[in-house]
Amino acid sequence: MPDYSDLSVLIVDPNPGMRASLHNMLNLSSISKIEYAVSSGTAIRQLGKKSFDIVLCEYDLGSGSNDNGQDGQQLLEDLRLHKLIGQWTIFIMLTSEGVYSKVISAAELTPTDYILKPFTVDVLIQRITRAVDRRAVFMPVFHLVGLGNLRKAIANCGELELQHPRYAIDFARLRAEMHVTLEELAEAALIYQTILMQKPLGWAHLGLARCQYGLGRYEEALQSLDALIEHNPKFMAAYDLLAKTHVAMGQAVQAKKILEDAVAISPHMVARLRHLGEVAFETGDVGVAEKAFKQVVAKAKYSEFRDPEDHVNLVKTLVKKGDANQAGGVIRDLERSLRGNANTDACRAIASALLQEMTGNLPAAAAELATAVTAVGTSRACRPG
């Protein structure tokens, strides 16, 4: 058995019995650097402080109020979005066969591996071994990316692809993503098209659509995304880009309908709810905007990535609705619950200015805006809309 004593592992699981079982299994493979997270929030906090070689994450993290229904896939997306785990981090999802069959084809950001429950220690060690071996193959590219040398990393991908043909599609995906980072969208699109000629992979369809969108080829992006959603109606990232494409084409009403459909399928993603609120507000649908922004504020309440601008958006919507009482309550909640956030003072002042203007107190509104201008000097500007 390989010696993995140098590897560090974070177990993310709300079940103490499962955490203990995984700990014992890891010990049998000489892994002793083990820490725990009982929820997505605690996992985010720990990964914000230090890195781990391996994250073993239960898919079903529970739907308690502190995590607002976030599952392991959504945690992975948060971690990647906010760059709390590197490409070299091995992220293994632990899940049931039923969940796996639903998630695997619909996930844009996939884990390193899935392990279906129940499993034995031999299966766990086998998957860890496979993941560690795979990481060793990709590590030269990851190292170059970490140094910011994307040109050399792209060339290195091509060389390693020839040496390790079983990872050809993975290397091609890496090359495409790096071309996107370098804003070479035509080159990335060509790679995605080549991948799709070999295999109809959802993430490759989405990657191609993103390139088409970035190149301003909106009609082509719409066709790609419509086809992707028709083939896989639960590929949620496709809905988000489809709505964004309609907005770019000046079709906010269509974008709102798409986002409403997406939220009905997957109601826990804060970014999607926020986008729905913004588009609904733009179309004049105050009811949908209010509902969406209320959900954003509620679901982000215990998040590590809270943004006081969400309260401003909700106040702006309530002001448009003419509901001064609720708007005042949202401002008080902003003051109370987001104390210490660098943007809170500016956002509170802007929200208060909106409310004062609504009630006809223009001098007070002007004073609040002056306070906001001062506060912006030490924080990121809040946009009043």
Protein backbone atom coordinates (compact mmCIF):
# COMPACT_ATOMS: atom_id res chain seq x y z
CA MET A 1 0.00 0.00 0.00
CA PRO A 2 1.37 3.45 -0.91
CA ASP A 3 2.49 5.71 1.91
CA TYR A 4 0.15 8.70 2.07
CA SER A 5 1.24 9.99 5.46
CA ASP A 6 2.11 13.40 3.98
CA LEU A 7 -1.41 13.98 2.64
CA SER A 8 -3.83 16.26 4.50
CA VAL A 9 -7.57 15.60 4.35
CA LEU A 10 -10.67 17.65 5.17
CA ILE A 11 -13.80 15.56 5.78
CA VAL A 12 -17.02 17.51 5.14
CA ASP A 13 -19.94 15.58 6.60
CA PRO A 14 -22.69 16.49 9.10
CA ASN A 15 -22.93 12.89 10.35
CA PRO A 16 -20.53 12.18 13.27
CA GLY A 17 -20.71 8.45 12.64
CA MET A 18 -19.66 8.85 9.01
CA ARG A 19 -16.86 11.23 9.99
CA ALA A 20 -15.52 8.64 12.44
CA SER A 21 -15.80 5.86 9.87
CA LEU A 22 -13.92 7.88 7.25
CA HIS A 23 -11.28 8.79 9.81
CA ASN A 24 -10.66 5.11 10.57
CA MET A 25 -10.49 4.24 6.87
CA LEU A 26 -7.96 7.00 6.24
CA ASN A 27 -5.85 5.89 9.20
CA LEU A 28 -5.61 2.44 7.62
CA SER A 29 -3.91 4.07 4.64
CA SER A 30 -1.41 5.90 6.89
CA ILE A 31 -3.28 9.24 6.57
CA SER A 32 -3.40 11.00 9.92
CA LYS A 33 -3.55 14.71 9.00
CA ILE A 34 -7.34 14.85 9.17
CA GLU A 35 -9.69 17.70 10.01
CA TYR A 36 -13.48 18.00 9.94
CA ALA A 37 -16.20 20.36 8.75
CA VAL A 38 -19.81 19.69 9.67
CA SER A 39 -21.35 22.00 7.06
CA SER A 40 -20.57 23.98 3.93
CA GLY A 41 -20.04 27.12 6.04
CA THR A 42 -17.45 25.53 8.29
CA ALA A 43 -15.75 23.97 5.26
CA ILE A 44 -15.47 27.38 3.59
CA ARG A 45 -14.00 28.91 6.73
CA GLN A 46 -11.41 26.14 7.12
CA LEU A 47 -10.40 26.17 3.46
CA GLY A 48 -10.07 29.93 3.68
CA LYS A 49 -7.44 29.48 6.37
CA LYS A 50 -5.40 26.58 4.97
CA SER A 51 -5.22 24.24 2.02
CA PHE A 52 -5.75 20.49 2.01
CA ASP A 53 -4.57 17.85 -0.43
CA ILE A 54 -7.91 16.05 -0.35
CA VAL A 55 -11.49 17.07 0.44
CA LEU A 56 -13.90 14.20 1.11
CA CYS A 57 -17.35 15.76 0.88
CA GLU A 58 -20.78 14.26 1.53
CA TYR A 59 -23.19 15.35 -1.20
CA ASP A 60 -26.17 15.65 1.12
CA LEU A 61 -25.02 18.26 3.62
CA GLY A 62 -28.53 18.65 5.00
CA SER A 63 -30.97 21.49 4.62
CA GLY A 64 -30.53 23.19 7.97
CA SER A 65 -30.99 26.95 8.15
CA ASN A 66 -27.28 27.56 8.56
CA ASP A 67 -26.55 26.16 5.11
CA ASN A 68 -29.77 27.09 3.37
CA GLY A 69 -30.09 23.80 1.54
CA GLN A 70 -26.63 23.93 -0.03
CA ASP A 71 -25.41 20.54 -1.19
CA GLY A 72 -21.90 19.27 -1.88
CA GLN A 73 -22.03 20.23 -5.56
CA GLN A 74 -22.97 23.81 -4.71
CA LEU A 75 -20.21 23.91 -2.10
CA LEU A 76 -17.72 22.81 -4.77
CA GLU A 77 -18.95 25.57 -7.08
CA ASP A 78 -18.55 28.16 -4.29
CA LEU A 79 -15.04 26.93 -3.52
CA ARG A 80 -13.99 27.10 -7.18
CA LEU A 81 -15.71 30.45 -7.80
CA HIS A 82 -13.99 32.10 -4.83
CA LYS A 83 -10.70 30.26 -5.50
CA LEU A 84 -10.60 28.61 -2.07
CA ILE A 85 -9.29 25.38 -3.56
CA GLY A 86 -6.65 25.05 -6.26
CA GLN A 87 -6.79 22.90 -9.35
CA TRP A 88 -4.47 20.50 -7.57
CA THR A 89 -6.90 19.92 -4.70
CA ILE A 90 -8.45 16.45 -4.88
CA PHE A 91 -12.19 16.85 -4.24
CA ILE A 92 -14.04 13.54 -3.87
CA MET A 93 -17.82 13.51 -3.55
CA LEU A 94 -19.49 10.82 -1.45
CA THR A 95 -23.00 10.13 -2.66
CA SER A 96 -25.77 7.63 -3.32
CA GLU A 97 -26.21 6.02 -6.70
CA GLY A 98 -29.53 7.83 -7.24
CA VAL A 99 -28.02 11.27 -6.64
CA TYR A 100 -24.97 10.44 -8.76
CA SER A 101 -27.11 9.59 -11.79
CA LYS A 102 -28.85 12.98 -11.51
CA VAL A 103 -25.76 15.09 -10.84
CA ILE A 104 -23.02 13.66 -13.04
CA SER A 105 -24.43 14.76 -16.41
CA ALA A 106 -25.72 18.12 -15.16
CA ALA A 107 -22.66 19.39 -13.31
CA GLU A 108 -20.42 21.88 -15.05
CA LEU A 109 -17.82 21.81 -12.27
CA THR A 110 -17.19 18.17 -11.50
CA PRO A 111 -15.32 16.69 -8.54
CA THR A 112 -12.12 14.73 -9.05
CA ASP A 113 -14.17 11.59 -8.39
CA TYR A 114 -17.43 10.27 -7.00
CA ILE A 115 -17.63 7.38 -4.55
CA LEU A 116 -20.99 5.69 -4.30
CA LYS A 117 -22.19 4.66 -0.84
CA PRO A 118 -21.86 2.23 0.81
CA PHE A 119 -18.17 1.63 0.13
CA THR A 120 -15.30 -0.26 1.72
CA VAL A 121 -11.90 0.96 2.85
CA ASP A 122 -10.40 -0.76 -0.21
CA VAL A 123 -12.61 1.28 -2.54
CA LEU A 124 -11.71 4.53 -0.76
CA ILE A 125 -7.97 3.82 -0.91
CA GLN A 126 -8.23 2.77 -4.55
CA ARG A 127 -9.94 6.05 -5.47
CA ILE A 128 -7.46 8.12 -3.49
CA THR A 129 -4.59 6.31 -5.20
CA ARG A 130 -6.11 6.96 -8.61
CA ALA A 131 -6.66 10.64 -7.80
CA VAL A 132 -3.14 11.12 -6.45
CA ASP A 133 -1.66 9.45 -9.53
CA ARG A 134 -3.78 11.66 -11.80
CA ARG A 135 -2.74 14.78 -9.91
CA ALA A 136 0.91 13.87 -10.42
CA VAL A 137 0.33 13.83 -14.20
CA PHE A 138 -1.28 17.29 -14.19
CA MET A 139 0.91 18.92 -11.55
CA PRO A 140 3.47 20.40 -14.03
CA VAL A 141 0.60 22.29 -15.71
CA PHE A 142 -0.91 23.36 -12.39
CA HIS A 143 2.50 24.65 -11.30
CA LEU A 144 2.84 26.79 -14.44
CA VAL A 145 -0.70 28.12 -14.03
CA GLY A 146 0.15 29.02 -10.44
CA LEU A 147 3.14 31.00 -11.71
CA GLY A 148 0.91 32.79 -14.21
CA ASN A 149 2.75 31.34 -17.19
CA LEU A 150 -0.32 30.31 -19.19
CA ARG A 151 1.45 30.22 -22.56
CA LYS A 152 3.92 27.64 -21.31
CA ALA A 153 1.13 25.78 -19.51
CA ILE A 154 -0.84 25.47 -22.77
CA ALA A 155 2.23 24.11 -24.55
CA ASN A 156 2.87 21.75 -21.65
CA CYS A 157 -0.70 20.44 -21.92
CA GLY A 158 -0.07 19.49 -25.53
CA GLU A 159 3.13 17.62 -24.64
CA LEU A 160 1.59 15.79 -21.69
CA GLU A 161 -1.50 14.90 -23.71
CA LEU A 162 0.71 12.88 -26.06
CA GLN A 163 2.37 11.13 -23.12
CA HIS A 164 -0.93 10.38 -21.33
CA PRO A 165 -3.57 9.84 -24.03
CA ARG A 166 -6.15 8.58 -21.50
CA TYR A 167 -6.33 12.15 -20.17
CA ALA A 168 -6.55 13.75 -23.62
CA ILE A 169 -9.98 15.33 -23.07
CA ASP A 170 -8.96 16.66 -19.65
CA PHE A 171 -5.86 18.30 -21.10
CA ALA A 172 -7.91 19.72 -23.96
CA ARG A 173 -10.37 21.21 -21.48
CA LEU A 174 -7.51 22.79 -19.54
CA ARG A 175 -6.11 24.30 -22.73
CA ALA A 176 -9.50 25.73 -23.66
CA GLU A 177 -9.97 27.27 -20.20
CA MET A 178 -6.55 28.89 -20.36
CA HIS A 179 -7.28 30.32 -23.81
CA VAL A 180 -10.48 31.81 -22.34
CA THR A 181 -8.45 33.34 -19.51
CA LEU A 182 -6.16 34.87 -22.14
CA GLU A 183 -9.29 36.15 -23.96
CA GLU A 184 -8.49 33.96 -26.97
CA LEU A 185 -12.07 32.86 -27.40
CA ALA A 186 -11.82 31.71 -31.01
CA GLU A 187 -9.01 29.31 -30.09
CA ALA A 188 -10.98 28.03 -27.10
CA ALA A 189 -14.11 27.55 -29.21
CA LEU A 190 -12.17 25.43 -31.70
CA ILE A 191 -10.96 23.16 -28.89
CA TYR A 192 -14.49 22.76 -27.50
CA GLN A 193 -15.78 21.93 -31.00
CA THR A 194 -13.07 19.30 -31.40
CA ILE A 195 -14.01 17.75 -28.04
CA LEU A 196 -17.68 17.66 -29.03
CA MET A 197 -16.83 15.79 -32.23
CA GLN A 198 -15.49 13.02 -30.00
CA LYS A 199 -18.08 13.07 -27.21
CA PRO A 200 -21.24 15.16 -26.50
CA LEU A 201 -20.12 16.45 -23.10
CA GLY A 202 -22.31 19.03 -21.38
CA TRP A 203 -19.43 21.15 -20.09
CA ALA A 204 -17.95 21.30 -23.59
CA HIS A 205 -21.28 22.51 -25.02
CA LEU A 206 -21.39 25.15 -22.29
CA GLY A 207 -17.77 26.14 -22.92
CA LEU A 208 -18.50 26.61 -26.62
CA ALA A 209 -21.58 28.69 -25.82
CA ARG A 210 -19.53 30.88 -23.47
CA CYS A 211 -17.04 31.52 -26.25
CA GLN A 212 -19.85 32.35 -28.67
CA TYR A 213 -21.33 34.74 -26.11
CA GLY A 214 -17.95 36.37 -25.48
CA LEU A 215 -17.44 36.83 -29.21
CA GLY A 216 -20.84 38.53 -29.49
CA ARG A 217 -22.29 35.64 -31.52
CA TYR A 218 -25.47 35.62 -29.47
CA GLU A 219 -27.70 33.72 -31.89
CA GLU A 220 -25.17 30.89 -32.02
CA ALA A 221 -24.93 30.89 -28.23
CA LEU A 222 -28.73 30.67 -27.98
CA GLN A 223 -28.78 27.69 -30.33
CA SER A 224 -26.02 25.91 -28.40
CA LEU A 225 -27.70 26.52 -25.03
CA ASP A 226 -31.20 25.59 -26.21
CA ALA A 227 -29.80 22.31 -27.53
CA LEU A 228 -27.93 21.66 -24.30
CA ILE A 229 -31.00 22.29 -22.13
CA GLU A 230 -33.19 20.18 -24.40
CA HIS A 231 -30.74 17.30 -24.02
CA ASN A 232 -30.21 17.88 -20.31
CA PRO A 233 -32.92 20.03 -18.68
CA LYS A 234 -31.09 20.07 -15.33
CA PHE A 235 -27.81 21.55 -16.57
CA MET A 236 -28.30 24.66 -14.46
CA ALA A 237 -25.30 26.69 -15.66
CA ALA A 238 -26.80 26.60 -19.16
CA TYR A 239 -29.90 28.45 -17.90
CA ASP A 240 -27.73 31.14 -16.33
CA LEU A 241 -25.80 31.78 -19.54
CA LEU A 242 -28.97 31.57 -21.63
CA ALA A 243 -30.57 34.29 -19.49
CA LYS A 244 -27.40 36.38 -19.71
CA THR A 245 -27.44 36.03 -23.49
CA HIS A 246 -31.06 37.19 -23.71
CA VAL A 247 -30.20 40.20 -21.53
CA ALA A 248 -27.32 41.06 -23.88
CA MET A 249 -29.79 40.91 -26.77
CA GLY A 250 -32.18 43.28 -24.97
CA GLN A 251 -34.66 40.50 -24.21
CA ALA A 252 -35.10 40.91 -20.48
CA VAL A 253 -38.58 39.37 -20.39
CA GLN A 254 -37.29 36.13 -21.93
CA ALA A 255 -34.35 36.17 -19.52
CA LYS A 256 -36.72 36.50 -16.55
CA LYS A 257 -38.76 33.48 -17.68
CA ILE A 258 -35.60 31.38 -18.09
CA LEU A 259 -34.35 32.33 -14.63
CA GLU A 260 -37.75 31.60 -13.08
CA ASP A 261 -37.66 28.14 -14.67
CA ALA A 262 -34.12 27.61 -13.36
CA VAL A 263 -35.02 28.70 -9.82
CA ALA A 264 -37.99 26.32 -9.86
CA ILE A 265 -35.59 23.45 -10.61
CA SER A 266 -32.74 24.53 -8.34
CA PRO A 267 -33.88 27.08 -5.72
CA HIS A 268 -30.76 27.42 -3.57
CA MET A 269 -28.18 29.23 -5.73
CA VAL A 270 -27.87 32.79 -4.47
CA ALA A 271 -26.23 34.14 -7.64
CA ARG A 272 -29.13 32.88 -9.77
CA LEU A 273 -31.73 34.35 -7.43
CA ARG A 274 -29.86 37.65 -7.45
CA HIS A 275 -29.83 37.70 -11.25
CA LEU A 276 -33.55 36.92 -11.32
CA GLY A 277 -34.23 39.83 -8.97
CA GLU A 278 -32.20 42.22 -11.11
CA VAL A 279 -33.87 41.16 -14.36
CA ALA A 280 -37.36 41.18 -12.82
CA PHE A 281 -36.77 44.69 -11.47
CA GLU A 282 -35.63 45.83 -14.91
CA THR A 283 -38.81 44.46 -16.50
CA GLY A 284 -40.99 46.13 -13.88
CA ASP A 285 -42.08 42.87 -12.23
CA VAL A 286 -41.76 44.13 -8.67
CA GLY A 287 -43.44 41.06 -7.18
CA VAL A 288 -40.91 38.62 -8.62
CA ALA A 289 -38.03 41.00 -7.84
CA GLU A 290 -39.14 41.33 -4.20
CA LYS A 291 -39.50 37.57 -3.76
CA ALA A 292 -36.10 36.90 -5.34
CA PHE A 293 -34.21 39.54 -3.33
CA LYS A 294 -35.88 38.41 -0.10
CA GLN A 295 -34.63 34.88 -0.79
CA VAL A 296 -31.15 36.21 -1.55
CA VAL A 297 -30.99 38.07 1.77
CA ALA A 298 -32.40 35.07 3.68
CA LYS A 299 -30.19 32.44 2.04
CA ALA A 300 -27.05 34.55 2.36
CA LYS A 301 -27.70 35.23 6.04
CA TYR A 302 -25.22 32.61 7.20
CA SER A 303 -23.01 32.69 4.13
CA GLU A 304 -19.32 33.49 4.20
CA PHE A 305 -19.86 35.57 1.04
CA ARG A 306 -22.57 37.99 2.18
CA ASP A 307 -22.94 41.23 0.26
CA PRO A 308 -24.74 44.26 1.77
CA GLU A 309 -25.72 45.32 -1.74
CA ASP A 310 -28.34 42.57 -1.60
CA HIS A 311 -30.12 44.56 1.12
CA VAL A 312 -29.90 47.68 -1.06
CA ASN A 313 -31.51 45.81 -3.96
CA LEU A 314 -34.33 44.64 -1.71
CA VAL A 315 -34.87 48.16 -0.34
CA LYS A 316 -34.88 49.56 -3.87
CA THR A 317 -37.58 47.05 -4.81
CA LEU A 318 -39.68 47.74 -1.73
CA VAL A 319 -39.39 51.48 -2.36
CA LYS A 320 -40.64 50.99 -5.90
CA LYS A 321 -43.50 48.95 -4.45
CA GLY A 322 -44.23 51.77 -1.99
CA ASP A 323 -43.67 49.67 1.13
CA ALA A 324 -41.84 52.01 3.52
CA ASN A 325 -42.33 49.81 6.60
CA GLN A 326 -40.67 46.75 5.07
CA ALA A 327 -37.90 48.88 3.55
CA GLY A 328 -37.13 50.32 6.98
CA GLY A 329 -36.99 46.82 8.45
CA VAL A 330 -34.51 45.70 5.80
CA ILE A 331 -32.27 48.69 6.57
CA ARG A 332 -32.36 47.86 10.29
CA ASP A 333 -31.44 44.25 9.50
CA LEU A 334 -28.56 45.48 7.35
CA GLU A 335 -27.23 47.62 10.21
CA ARG A 336 -27.60 44.80 12.74
CA SER A 337 -26.49 41.72 10.82
CA LEU A 338 -23.70 43.05 8.62
CA ARG A 339 -21.86 45.17 11.15
CA GLY A 340 -18.14 45.08 10.40
CA ASN A 341 -18.48 44.60 6.64
CA ALA A 342 -16.41 47.19 4.76
CA ASN A 343 -19.33 48.11 2.48
CA THR A 344 -22.08 48.24 5.09
CA ASP A 345 -21.89 51.97 5.88
CA ALA A 346 -22.08 52.99 2.23
CA CYS A 347 -24.88 50.56 1.47
CA ARG A 348 -26.88 51.52 4.56
CA ALA A 349 -26.63 55.20 3.60
CA ILE A 350 -27.74 54.53 0.02
CA ALA A 351 -30.67 52.39 1.17
CA SER A 352 -31.68 55.07 3.67
CA ALA A 353 -31.45 57.75 0.97
CA LEU A 354 -33.83 55.74 -1.21
CA LEU A 355 -36.30 55.45 1.66
CA GLN A 356 -36.04 59.13 2.62
CA GLU A 357 -36.61 60.17 -0.98
CA MET A 358 -39.67 57.92 -1.16
CA THR A 359 -41.18 59.54 1.94
CA GLY A 360 -40.49 63.01 0.57
CA ASN A 361 -37.71 63.97 2.99
CA LEU A 362 -35.29 65.27 0.36
CA PRO A 363 -32.87 67.03 2.78
CA ALA A 364 -32.45 63.78 4.72
CA ALA A 365 -31.96 61.87 1.46
CA ALA A 366 -29.23 64.31 0.39
CA ALA A 367 -27.52 63.97 3.78
CA GLU A 368 -27.54 60.16 3.49
CA LEU A 369 -26.05 60.35 -0.01
CA ALA A 370 -23.28 62.59 1.35
CA THR A 371 -22.63 59.97 4.04
CA ALA A 372 -22.49 57.31 1.33
CA VAL A 373 -19.92 59.29 -0.66
CA THR A 374 -17.73 59.56 2.44
CA ALA A 375 -18.12 55.86 3.24
CA VAL A 376 -17.22 54.85 -0.32
CA GLY A 377 -13.79 56.31 0.30
CA THR A 378 -12.95 53.29 2.45
CA SER A 379 -15.09 50.67 0.76
CA ARG A 380 -16.27 49.39 -2.58
CA ALA A 381 -18.95 51.63 -4.04
CA CYS A 382 -22.54 50.48 -3.77
CA ARG A 383 -24.58 51.26 -6.82
CA PRO A 384 -28.03 52.69 -6.06
CA GLY A 385 -29.30 51.45 -9.40
